[in-house]
Amino acid sequence: MSRVLPGADGARRWRGPALQFAGSLFFTGFLFAWTFLYAIPFVIICAFLPFRRRFVLARGYGASVLWVLKWSCGLDYRIEGAALPEGAHIALWKHSSSWETMAMMVVFPRQVWVLKRELLWIPVVGLAVRQMHAIAIDRKAGGSAVSQVIEQGKERLSEGNWVVIFPEGTRMATGETRRYGVSGTLLASETGRLIVPVAHNAGFYWPRRGLMKKPGTVRVVIGAPVATAGREVREVNEQIQAWVEATVRSLDPDGG
């Protein structure tokens, strides 16, 4: 499975620090402005659309952001690895950047996201997130948050939607991780669905903190689907975390 958007490698050769800073500054302003401007007609239109058609608009938002990122900062992406299985399943994405929050809308089929409930409090944008049937949790709630993911996740899967989860729960700096949460694995175990792990190196180009974006090509590696039948949840989680973190290290563009 491969998709390449050309141009970013060439950008490395001609972009100086001043131009890269200007592009990064422009993109940051664009991202905030476009998110709110897009959200206003989005919430109005979505009030009259079924969910499957709402996702087309969400994907359009993600694609537009990635396009502007490419031309303002020279940051592209490439998809590698396994083909996605038929049907709706659970995707566990590495979370090291804001990049993947846009890219997952474009890379994967119709989906819902597990996210922190504070995002629902953002004016207009929070309403748009609600319209996308997101599973908004209180990250401090522990077991009740896991139960919420499982209960609502079953419903979303039955509707034919993928469930996308960041198992680390928050963005992690490059080279760092924490024990993966079990909610996605439990959901897969109780529904018989597959887990698709996703590793990428976006954190090297668009760090968790800081304004500057580096030119280059984000490599996104889709792992082989993992079945949970007859397996212990912690064992599956450890297998997935080991694969994702090892793959991310292998994608270090500086060879570190």
C-alpha atoms as a PDB file:
ATOM      1  CA  MET A   1       0.000   0.000   0.000  1.00  0.00           C
ATOM      2  CA  SER A   2       1.679   3.221  -1.041  1.00  0.00           C
ATOM      3  CA  ARG A   3       0.701   6.780  -1.729  1.00  0.00           C
ATOM      4  CA  VAL A   4       3.246   9.490  -2.438  1.00  0.00           C
ATOM      5  CA  LEU A   5       2.560  13.183  -2.740  1.00  0.00           C
ATOM      6  CA  PRO A   6       5.605  14.522  -4.630  1.00  0.00           C
ATOM      7  CA  GLY A   7       7.417  17.761  -4.023  1.00  0.00           C
ATOM      8  CA  ALA A   8       8.602  17.778  -0.424  1.00  0.00           C
ATOM      9  CA  ASP A   9      12.030  16.238  -1.073  1.00  0.00           C
ATOM     10  CA  GLY A  10      12.743  19.006  -3.547  1.00  0.00           C
ATOM     11  CA  ALA A  11      11.596  21.514  -0.951  1.00  0.00           C
ATOM     12  CA  ARG A  12      14.484  20.439   1.272  1.00  0.00           C
ATOM     13  CA  ARG A  13      16.945  21.759  -1.316  1.00  0.00           C
ATOM     14  CA  TRP A  14      15.636  25.290  -1.694  1.00  0.00           C
ATOM     15  CA  ARG A  15      14.024  26.230   1.600  1.00  0.00           C
ATOM     16  CA  GLY A  16      16.278  28.322   3.821  1.00  0.00           C
ATOM     17  CA  PRO A  17      15.631  28.900   7.555  1.00  0.00           C
ATOM     18  CA  ALA A  18      13.958  32.281   7.020  1.00  0.00           C
ATOM     19  CA  LEU A  19      11.583  30.954   4.373  1.00  0.00           C
ATOM     20  CA  GLN A  20      10.820  27.887   6.445  1.00  0.00           C
ATOM     21  CA  PHE A  21      10.005  30.045   9.458  1.00  0.00           C
ATOM     22  CA  ALA A  22       7.755  32.267   7.344  1.00  0.00           C
ATOM     23  CA  GLY A  23       5.968  29.235   5.940  1.00  0.00           C
ATOM     24  CA  SER A  24       5.526  27.745   9.401  1.00  0.00           C
ATOM     25  CA  LEU A  25       4.168  31.025  10.740  1.00  0.00           C
ATOM     26  CA  PHE A  26       1.744  31.308   7.828  1.00  0.00           C
ATOM     27  CA  PHE A  27       0.550  27.725   8.261  1.00  0.00           C
ATOM     28  CA  THR A  28      -0.028  28.128  11.993  1.00  0.00           C
ATOM     29  CA  GLY A  29      -2.200  31.184  11.409  1.00  0.00           C
ATOM     30  CA  PHE A  30      -3.995  29.457   8.556  1.00  0.00           C
ATOM     31  CA  LEU A  31      -4.711  26.362  10.656  1.00  0.00           C
ATOM     32  CA  PHE A  32      -6.402  28.283  13.461  1.00  0.00           C
ATOM     33  CA  ALA A  33      -8.356  30.559  11.114  1.00  0.00           C
ATOM     34  CA  TRP A  34      -9.389  27.817   8.685  1.00  0.00           C
ATOM     35  CA  THR A  35     -10.499  25.468  11.459  1.00  0.00           C
ATOM     36  CA  PHE A  36     -12.994  28.002  12.814  1.00  0.00           C
ATOM     37  CA  LEU A  37     -14.076  29.296   9.415  1.00  0.00           C
ATOM     38  CA  TYR A  38     -14.641  25.768   8.125  1.00  0.00           C
ATOM     39  CA  ALA A  39     -16.505  24.781  11.292  1.00  0.00           C
ATOM     40  CA  ILE A  40     -19.220  27.418  10.859  1.00  0.00           C
ATOM     41  CA  PRO A  41     -20.703  26.170   7.544  1.00  0.00           C
ATOM     42  CA  PHE A  42     -19.810  22.620   8.587  1.00  0.00           C
ATOM     43  CA  VAL A  43     -22.143  22.592  11.599  1.00  0.00           C
ATOM     44  CA  ILE A  44     -24.942  24.199   9.582  1.00  0.00           C
ATOM     45  CA  ILE A  45     -24.694  21.776   6.655  1.00  0.00           C
ATOM     46  CA  CYS A  46     -24.215  18.722   8.878  1.00  0.00           C
ATOM     47  CA  ALA A  47     -27.455  19.447  10.679  1.00  0.00           C
ATOM     48  CA  PHE A  48     -29.193  18.259   7.502  1.00  0.00           C
ATOM     49  CA  LEU A  49     -26.868  15.387   6.550  1.00  0.00           C
ATOM     50  CA  PRO A  50     -26.597  11.748   7.686  1.00  0.00           C
ATOM     51  CA  PHE A  51     -23.291  10.852   9.305  1.00  0.00           C
ATOM     52  CA  ARG A  52     -21.827   9.029   6.304  1.00  0.00           C
ATOM     53  CA  ARG A  53     -22.111  12.236   4.269  1.00  0.00           C
ATOM     54  CA  ARG A  54     -20.804  14.416   7.089  1.00  0.00           C
ATOM     55  CA  PHE A  55     -17.552  12.515   6.990  1.00  0.00           C
ATOM     56  CA  VAL A  56     -16.989  13.626   3.384  1.00  0.00           C
ATOM     57  CA  LEU A  57     -16.850  17.202   4.682  1.00  0.00           C
ATOM     58  CA  ALA A  58     -14.516  16.221   7.537  1.00  0.00           C
ATOM     59  CA  ARG A  59     -12.203  14.516   5.061  1.00  0.00           C
ATOM     60  CA  GLY A  60     -12.273  17.644   2.912  1.00  0.00           C
ATOM     61  CA  TYR A  61     -11.085  19.657   5.905  1.00  0.00           C
ATOM     62  CA  GLY A  62      -8.210  17.268   6.578  1.00  0.00           C
ATOM     63  CA  ALA A  63      -7.166  17.157   2.914  1.00  0.00           C
ATOM     64  CA  SER A  64      -7.188  20.956   2.623  1.00  0.00           C
ATOM     65  CA  VAL A  65      -4.969  21.341   5.693  1.00  0.00           C
ATOM     66  CA  LEU A  66      -2.461  18.774   4.406  1.00  0.00           C
ATOM     67  CA  TRP A  67      -2.381  20.519   1.016  1.00  0.00           C
ATOM     68  CA  VAL A  68      -1.606  23.910   2.544  1.00  0.00           C
ATOM     69  CA  LEU A  69       0.972  22.300   4.836  1.00  0.00           C
ATOM     70  CA  LYS A  70       2.708  20.824   1.794  1.00  0.00           C
ATOM     71  CA  TRP A  71       2.942  24.109  -0.092  1.00  0.00           C
ATOM     72  CA  SER A  72       3.693  26.396   2.858  1.00  0.00           C
ATOM     73  CA  CYS A  73       6.133  24.171   4.760  1.00  0.00           C
ATOM     74  CA  GLY A  74       7.218  21.566   2.221  1.00  0.00           C
ATOM     75  CA  LEU A  75       5.887  18.755   4.410  1.00  0.00           C
ATOM     76  CA  ASP A  76       4.399  15.842   2.483  1.00  0.00           C
ATOM     77  CA  TYR A  77       3.499  12.255   3.373  1.00  0.00           C
ATOM     78  CA  ARG A  78       3.730   8.691   2.107  1.00  0.00           C
ATOM     79  CA  ILE A  79       1.649   5.646   3.067  1.00  0.00           C
ATOM     80  CA  GLU A  80       3.397   2.280   3.438  1.00  0.00           C
ATOM     81  CA  GLY A  81       2.688  -1.138   4.864  1.00  0.00           C
ATOM     82  CA  ALA A  82      -0.308  -3.435   4.939  1.00  0.00           C
ATOM     83  CA  ALA A  83      -3.608  -2.977   3.148  1.00  0.00           C
ATOM     84  CA  LEU A  84      -6.567  -2.138   5.345  1.00  0.00           C
ATOM     85  CA  PRO A  85      -8.907  -5.063   6.081  1.00  0.00           C
ATOM     86  CA  GLU A  86     -12.460  -5.023   4.795  1.00  0.00           C
ATOM     87  CA  GLY A  87     -15.101  -3.759   7.188  1.00  0.00           C
ATOM     88  CA  ALA A  88     -14.866  -1.476  10.214  1.00  0.00           C
ATOM     89  CA  HIS A  89     -12.193  -2.081  12.844  1.00  0.00           C
ATOM     90  CA  ILE A  90     -10.113  -0.302  15.502  1.00  0.00           C
ATOM     91  CA  ALA A  91      -7.066   1.759  14.540  1.00  0.00           C
ATOM     92  CA  LEU A  92      -4.404   2.594  17.128  1.00  0.00           C
ATOM     93  CA  TRP A  93      -2.301   5.551  15.966  1.00  0.00           C
ATOM     94  CA  LYS A  94       0.972   6.780  17.402  1.00  0.00           C
ATOM     95  CA  HIS A  95       0.379  10.284  18.786  1.00  0.00           C
ATOM     96  CA  SER A  96       3.408  12.561  18.557  1.00  0.00           C
ATOM     97  CA  SER A  97       2.120  15.543  16.591  1.00  0.00           C
ATOM     98  CA  SER A  98      -0.967  17.443  15.514  1.00  0.00           C
ATOM     99  CA  TRP A  99      -0.301  16.169  11.983  1.00  0.00           C
ATOM    100  CA  GLU A 100      -1.963  12.793  12.492  1.00  0.00           C
ATOM    101  CA  THR A 101      -5.205  14.372  13.713  1.00  0.00           C
ATOM    102  CA  MET A 102      -5.688  15.663  10.167  1.00  0.00           C
ATOM    103  CA  ALA A 103      -4.054  12.802   8.281  1.00  0.00           C
ATOM    104  CA  MET A 104      -6.173  10.040   9.798  1.00  0.00           C
ATOM    105  CA  MET A 105      -9.302  11.565   8.224  1.00  0.00           C
ATOM    106  CA  VAL A 106      -7.691  11.230   4.800  1.00  0.00           C
ATOM    107  CA  VAL A 107      -5.834   7.928   5.206  1.00  0.00           C
ATOM    108  CA  PHE A 108      -8.594   5.794   6.767  1.00  0.00           C
ATOM    109  CA  PRO A 109     -12.229   5.149   5.800  1.00  0.00           C
ATOM    110  CA  ARG A 110     -15.236   6.669   7.576  1.00  0.00           C
ATOM    111  CA  GLN A 111     -14.373   6.871  11.256  1.00  0.00           C
ATOM    112  CA  VAL A 112     -15.082   8.225  14.710  1.00  0.00           C
ATOM    113  CA  TRP A 113     -12.427   9.398  17.139  1.00  0.00           C
ATOM    114  CA  VAL A 114     -11.816   8.845  20.820  1.00  0.00           C
ATOM    115  CA  LEU A 115     -10.734  12.205  22.205  1.00  0.00           C
ATOM    116  CA  LYS A 116     -10.612  14.272  25.373  1.00  0.00           C
ATOM    117  CA  ARG A 117     -13.932  15.870  26.306  1.00  0.00           C
ATOM    118  CA  GLU A 118     -12.343  19.319  26.622  1.00  0.00           C
ATOM    119  CA  LEU A 119     -12.414  19.572  22.827  1.00  0.00           C
ATOM    120  CA  LEU A 120     -16.200  19.722  23.017  1.00  0.00           C
ATOM    121  CA  TRP A 121     -15.955  23.009  24.888  1.00  0.00           C
ATOM    122  CA  ILE A 122     -14.307  24.882  21.988  1.00  0.00           C
ATOM    123  CA  PRO A 123     -16.863  27.260  20.442  1.00  0.00           C
ATOM    124  CA  VAL A 124     -18.296  26.005  17.128  1.00  0.00           C
ATOM    125  CA  VAL A 125     -15.502  23.442  16.711  1.00  0.00           C
ATOM    126  CA  GLY A 126     -16.829  21.493  19.687  1.00  0.00           C
ATOM    127  CA  LEU A 127     -20.253  21.277  18.074  1.00  0.00           C
ATOM    128  CA  ALA A 128     -18.665  20.025  14.856  1.00  0.00           C
ATOM    129  CA  VAL A 129     -16.864  17.326  16.843  1.00  0.00           C
ATOM    130  CA  ARG A 130     -20.175  16.272  18.413  1.00  0.00           C
ATOM    131  CA  GLN A 131     -21.749  16.022  14.958  1.00  0.00           C
ATOM    132  CA  MET A 132     -19.003  13.579  13.992  1.00  0.00           C
ATOM    133  CA  HIS A 133     -20.167  11.163  16.732  1.00  0.00           C
ATOM    134  CA  ALA A 134     -16.834  11.408  18.550  1.00  0.00           C
ATOM    135  CA  ILE A 135     -16.372   9.448  21.763  1.00  0.00           C
ATOM    136  CA  ALA A 136     -15.389  12.208  24.189  1.00  0.00           C
ATOM    137  CA  ILE A 137     -13.938  10.972  27.471  1.00  0.00           C
ATOM    138  CA  ASP A 138     -12.641  12.356  30.736  1.00  0.00           C
ATOM    139  CA  ARG A 139      -9.063  11.087  30.705  1.00  0.00           C
ATOM    140  CA  LYS A 140      -8.953  11.207  34.517  1.00  0.00           C
ATOM    141  CA  ALA A 141     -11.997   8.960  34.887  1.00  0.00           C
ATOM    142  CA  GLY A 142     -10.061   5.703  34.622  1.00  0.00           C
ATOM    143  CA  GLY A 143     -12.307   2.670  34.379  1.00  0.00           C
ATOM    144  CA  SER A 144     -15.440   4.612  33.556  1.00  0.00           C
ATOM    145  CA  ALA A 145     -13.686   6.180  30.564  1.00  0.00           C
ATOM    146  CA  VAL A 146     -12.719   2.716  29.317  1.00  0.00           C
ATOM    147  CA  SER A 147     -16.315   1.543  29.736  1.00  0.00           C
ATOM    148  CA  GLN A 148     -17.503   4.563  27.774  1.00  0.00           C
ATOM    149  CA  VAL A 149     -15.149   3.752  24.888  1.00  0.00           C
ATOM    150  CA  ILE A 150     -16.330   0.138  24.815  1.00  0.00           C
ATOM    151  CA  GLU A 151     -20.049   0.965  25.050  1.00  0.00           C
ATOM    152  CA  GLN A 152     -20.035   3.735  22.441  1.00  0.00           C
ATOM    153  CA  GLY A 153     -17.383   2.015  20.340  1.00  0.00           C
ATOM    154  CA  LYS A 154     -19.612  -1.037  19.867  1.00  0.00           C
ATOM    155  CA  GLU A 155     -22.382   1.204  18.612  1.00  0.00           C
ATOM    156  CA  ARG A 156     -20.099   3.074  16.213  1.00  0.00           C
ATOM    157  CA  LEU A 157     -18.609  -0.146  14.823  1.00  0.00           C
ATOM    158  CA  SER A 158     -22.069  -1.601  14.260  1.00  0.00           C
ATOM    159  CA  GLU A 159     -22.863   1.473  12.158  1.00  0.00           C
ATOM    160  CA  GLY A 160     -19.925   0.656   9.886  1.00  0.00           C
ATOM    161  CA  ASN A 161     -17.466   3.215  11.262  1.00  0.00           C
ATOM    162  CA  TRP A 162     -13.844   2.670  12.192  1.00  0.00           C
ATOM    163  CA  VAL A 163     -12.883   3.697  15.729  1.00  0.00           C
ATOM    164  CA  VAL A 164      -9.593   5.625  15.850  1.00  0.00           C
ATOM    165  CA  ILE A 165      -7.738   5.809  19.162  1.00  0.00           C
ATOM    166  CA  PHE A 166      -4.489   7.334  20.357  1.00  0.00           C
ATOM    167  CA  PRO A 167      -3.535   4.680  22.936  1.00  0.00           C
ATOM    168  CA  GLU A 168      -0.984   6.933  24.647  1.00  0.00           C
ATOM    169  CA  GLY A 169      -3.813   9.332  25.478  1.00  0.00           C
ATOM    170  CA  THR A 170      -1.832  12.469  24.656  1.00  0.00           C
ATOM    171  CA  ARG A 171       0.889  13.661  22.319  1.00  0.00           C
ATOM    172  CA  MET A 172       4.313  12.323  23.212  1.00  0.00           C
ATOM    173  CA  ALA A 173       7.607  14.015  22.407  1.00  0.00           C
ATOM    174  CA  THR A 174       9.807  12.329  19.813  1.00  0.00           C
ATOM    175  CA  GLY A 175      11.504   9.297  21.323  1.00  0.00           C
ATOM    176  CA  GLU A 176       9.059   9.058  24.229  1.00  0.00           C
ATOM    177  CA  THR A 177       6.050   6.895  24.964  1.00  0.00           C
ATOM    178  CA  ARG A 178       3.924   5.668  27.852  1.00  0.00           C
ATOM    179  CA  ARG A 179       2.055   2.457  28.484  1.00  0.00           C
ATOM    180  CA  TYR A 180      -0.716   2.115  25.915  1.00  0.00           C
ATOM    181  CA  GLY A 181      -4.279   2.250  27.203  1.00  0.00           C
ATOM    182  CA  VAL A 182      -6.360  -0.919  26.953  1.00  0.00           C
ATOM    183  CA  SER A 183      -9.679   0.512  25.763  1.00  0.00           C
ATOM    184  CA  GLY A 184      -9.053  -0.172  22.073  1.00  0.00           C
ATOM    185  CA  THR A 185      -7.869  -3.715  22.707  1.00  0.00           C
ATOM    186  CA  LEU A 186     -10.819  -4.443  24.994  1.00  0.00           C
ATOM    187  CA  LEU A 187     -13.193  -3.076  22.353  1.00  0.00           C
ATOM    188  CA  ALA A 188     -11.627  -5.345  19.736  1.00  0.00           C
ATOM    189  CA  SER A 189     -11.800  -8.327  22.072  1.00  0.00           C
ATOM    190  CA  GLU A 190     -15.485  -7.819  22.880  1.00  0.00           C
ATOM    191  CA  THR A 191     -16.537  -7.205  19.284  1.00  0.00           C
ATOM    192  CA  GLY A 192     -14.262  -9.631  17.436  1.00  0.00           C
ATOM    193  CA  ARG A 193     -12.894  -6.791  15.314  1.00  0.00           C
ATOM    194  CA  LEU A 194      -9.265  -6.384  14.301  1.00  0.00           C
ATOM    195  CA  ILE A 195      -6.739  -3.867  15.582  1.00  0.00           C
ATOM    196  CA  VAL A 196      -4.729  -1.982  12.968  1.00  0.00           C
ATOM    197  CA  PRO A 197      -1.627  -0.310  14.465  1.00  0.00           C
ATOM    198  CA  VAL A 198      -0.251   2.792  12.745  1.00  0.00           C
ATOM    199  CA  ALA A 199       3.280   4.129  13.174  1.00  0.00           C
ATOM    200  CA  HIS A 200       4.641   7.348  11.645  1.00  0.00           C
ATOM    201  CA  ASN A 201       7.405   9.879  12.047  1.00  0.00           C
ATOM    202  CA  ALA A 202       5.390  13.114  11.971  1.00  0.00           C
ATOM    203  CA  GLY A 203       6.840  14.115  15.338  1.00  0.00           C
ATOM    204  CA  PHE A 204      10.254  14.583  13.719  1.00  0.00           C
ATOM    205  CA  TYR A 205       8.840  17.187  11.312  1.00  0.00           C
ATOM    206  CA  TRP A 206       5.981  18.763  13.291  1.00  0.00           C
ATOM    207  CA  PRO A 207       7.025  18.545  16.947  1.00  0.00           C
ATOM    208  CA  ARG A 208       4.582  18.403  19.796  1.00  0.00           C
ATOM    209  CA  ARG A 209       5.616  21.912  20.823  1.00  0.00           C
ATOM    210  CA  GLY A 210       7.127  24.703  18.783  1.00  0.00           C
ATOM    211  CA  LEU A 211       6.215  26.736  15.725  1.00  0.00           C
ATOM    212  CA  MET A 212       8.688  25.401  13.148  1.00  0.00           C
ATOM    213  CA  LYS A 213       7.733  22.614  10.756  1.00  0.00           C
ATOM    214  CA  LYS A 214      10.530  20.882   8.885  1.00  0.00           C
ATOM    215  CA  PRO A 215      10.294  20.083   5.169  1.00  0.00           C
ATOM    216  CA  GLY A 216      10.313  16.437   4.205  1.00  0.00           C
ATOM    217  CA  THR A 217       8.026  13.436   3.846  1.00  0.00           C
ATOM    218  CA  VAL A 218       6.144  11.937   6.767  1.00  0.00           C
ATOM    219  CA  ARG A 219       6.215   8.168   6.455  1.00  0.00           C
ATOM    220  CA  VAL A 220       3.069   6.424   7.682  1.00  0.00           C
ATOM    221  CA  VAL A 221       3.376   2.665   8.161  1.00  0.00           C
ATOM    222  CA  ILE A 222       0.181   0.643   8.548  1.00  0.00           C
ATOM    223  CA  GLY A 223       0.823  -2.542  10.477  1.00  0.00           C
ATOM    224  CA  ALA A 224      -0.635  -5.967   9.843  1.00  0.00           C
ATOM    225  CA  PRO A 225      -4.074  -6.374  11.467  1.00  0.00           C
ATOM    226  CA  VAL A 226      -3.942  -7.962  14.917  1.00  0.00           C
ATOM    227  CA  ALA A 227      -6.612 -10.379  16.145  1.00  0.00           C
ATOM    228  CA  THR A 228      -7.420 -10.625  19.856  1.00  0.00           C
ATOM    229  CA  ALA A 229      -9.368 -13.921  19.982  1.00  0.00           C
ATOM    230  CA  GLY A 230      -8.112 -16.160  22.761  1.00  0.00           C
ATOM    231  CA  ARG A 231      -5.400 -13.720  23.818  1.00  0.00           C
ATOM    232  CA  GLU A 232      -4.833 -11.718  26.981  1.00  0.00           C
ATOM    233  CA  VAL A 233      -5.427  -7.990  26.541  1.00  0.00           C
ATOM    234  CA  ARG A 234      -2.127  -6.894  28.084  1.00  0.00           C
ATOM    235  CA  GLU A 235      -0.212  -9.289  25.859  1.00  0.00           C
ATOM    236  CA  VAL A 236      -1.840  -7.836  22.746  1.00  0.00           C
ATOM    237  CA  ASN A 237      -1.200  -4.283  23.933  1.00  0.00           C
ATOM    238  CA  GLU A 238       2.453  -4.990  24.598  1.00  0.00           C
ATOM    239  CA  GLN A 239       2.850  -6.554  21.156  1.00  0.00           C
ATOM    240  CA  ILE A 240       1.277  -3.539  19.454  1.00  0.00           C
ATOM    241  CA  GLN A 241       3.264  -1.012  21.477  1.00  0.00           C
ATOM    242  CA  ALA A 242       6.528  -2.832  20.786  1.00  0.00           C
ATOM    243  CA  TRP A 243       5.861  -2.859  17.042  1.00  0.00           C
ATOM    244  CA  VAL A 244       4.742   0.783  16.849  1.00  0.00           C
ATOM    245  CA  GLU A 245       7.630   2.169  18.893  1.00  0.00           C
ATOM    246  CA  ALA A 246      10.254   0.082  17.079  1.00  0.00           C
ATOM    247  CA  THR A 247       8.828   1.156  13.725  1.00  0.00           C
ATOM    248  CA  VAL A 248       8.836   4.828  14.730  1.00  0.00           C
ATOM    249  CA  ARG A 249      12.501   4.544  15.736  1.00  0.00           C
ATOM    250  CA  SER A 250      13.319   2.986  12.361  1.00  0.00           C
ATOM    251  CA  LEU A 251      11.664   5.958  10.628  1.00  0.00           C
ATOM    252  CA  ASP A 252      13.926   8.556  12.243  1.00  0.00           C
ATOM    253  CA  PRO A 253      14.970  10.734   9.260  1.00  0.00           C
ATOM    254  CA  ASP A 254      18.233  11.603  11.042  1.00  0.00           C
ATOM    255  CA  GLY A 255      19.068   7.942  11.535  1.00  0.00           C
ATOM    256  CA  GLY A 256      18.957   8.233  15.310  1.00  0.00           C
END
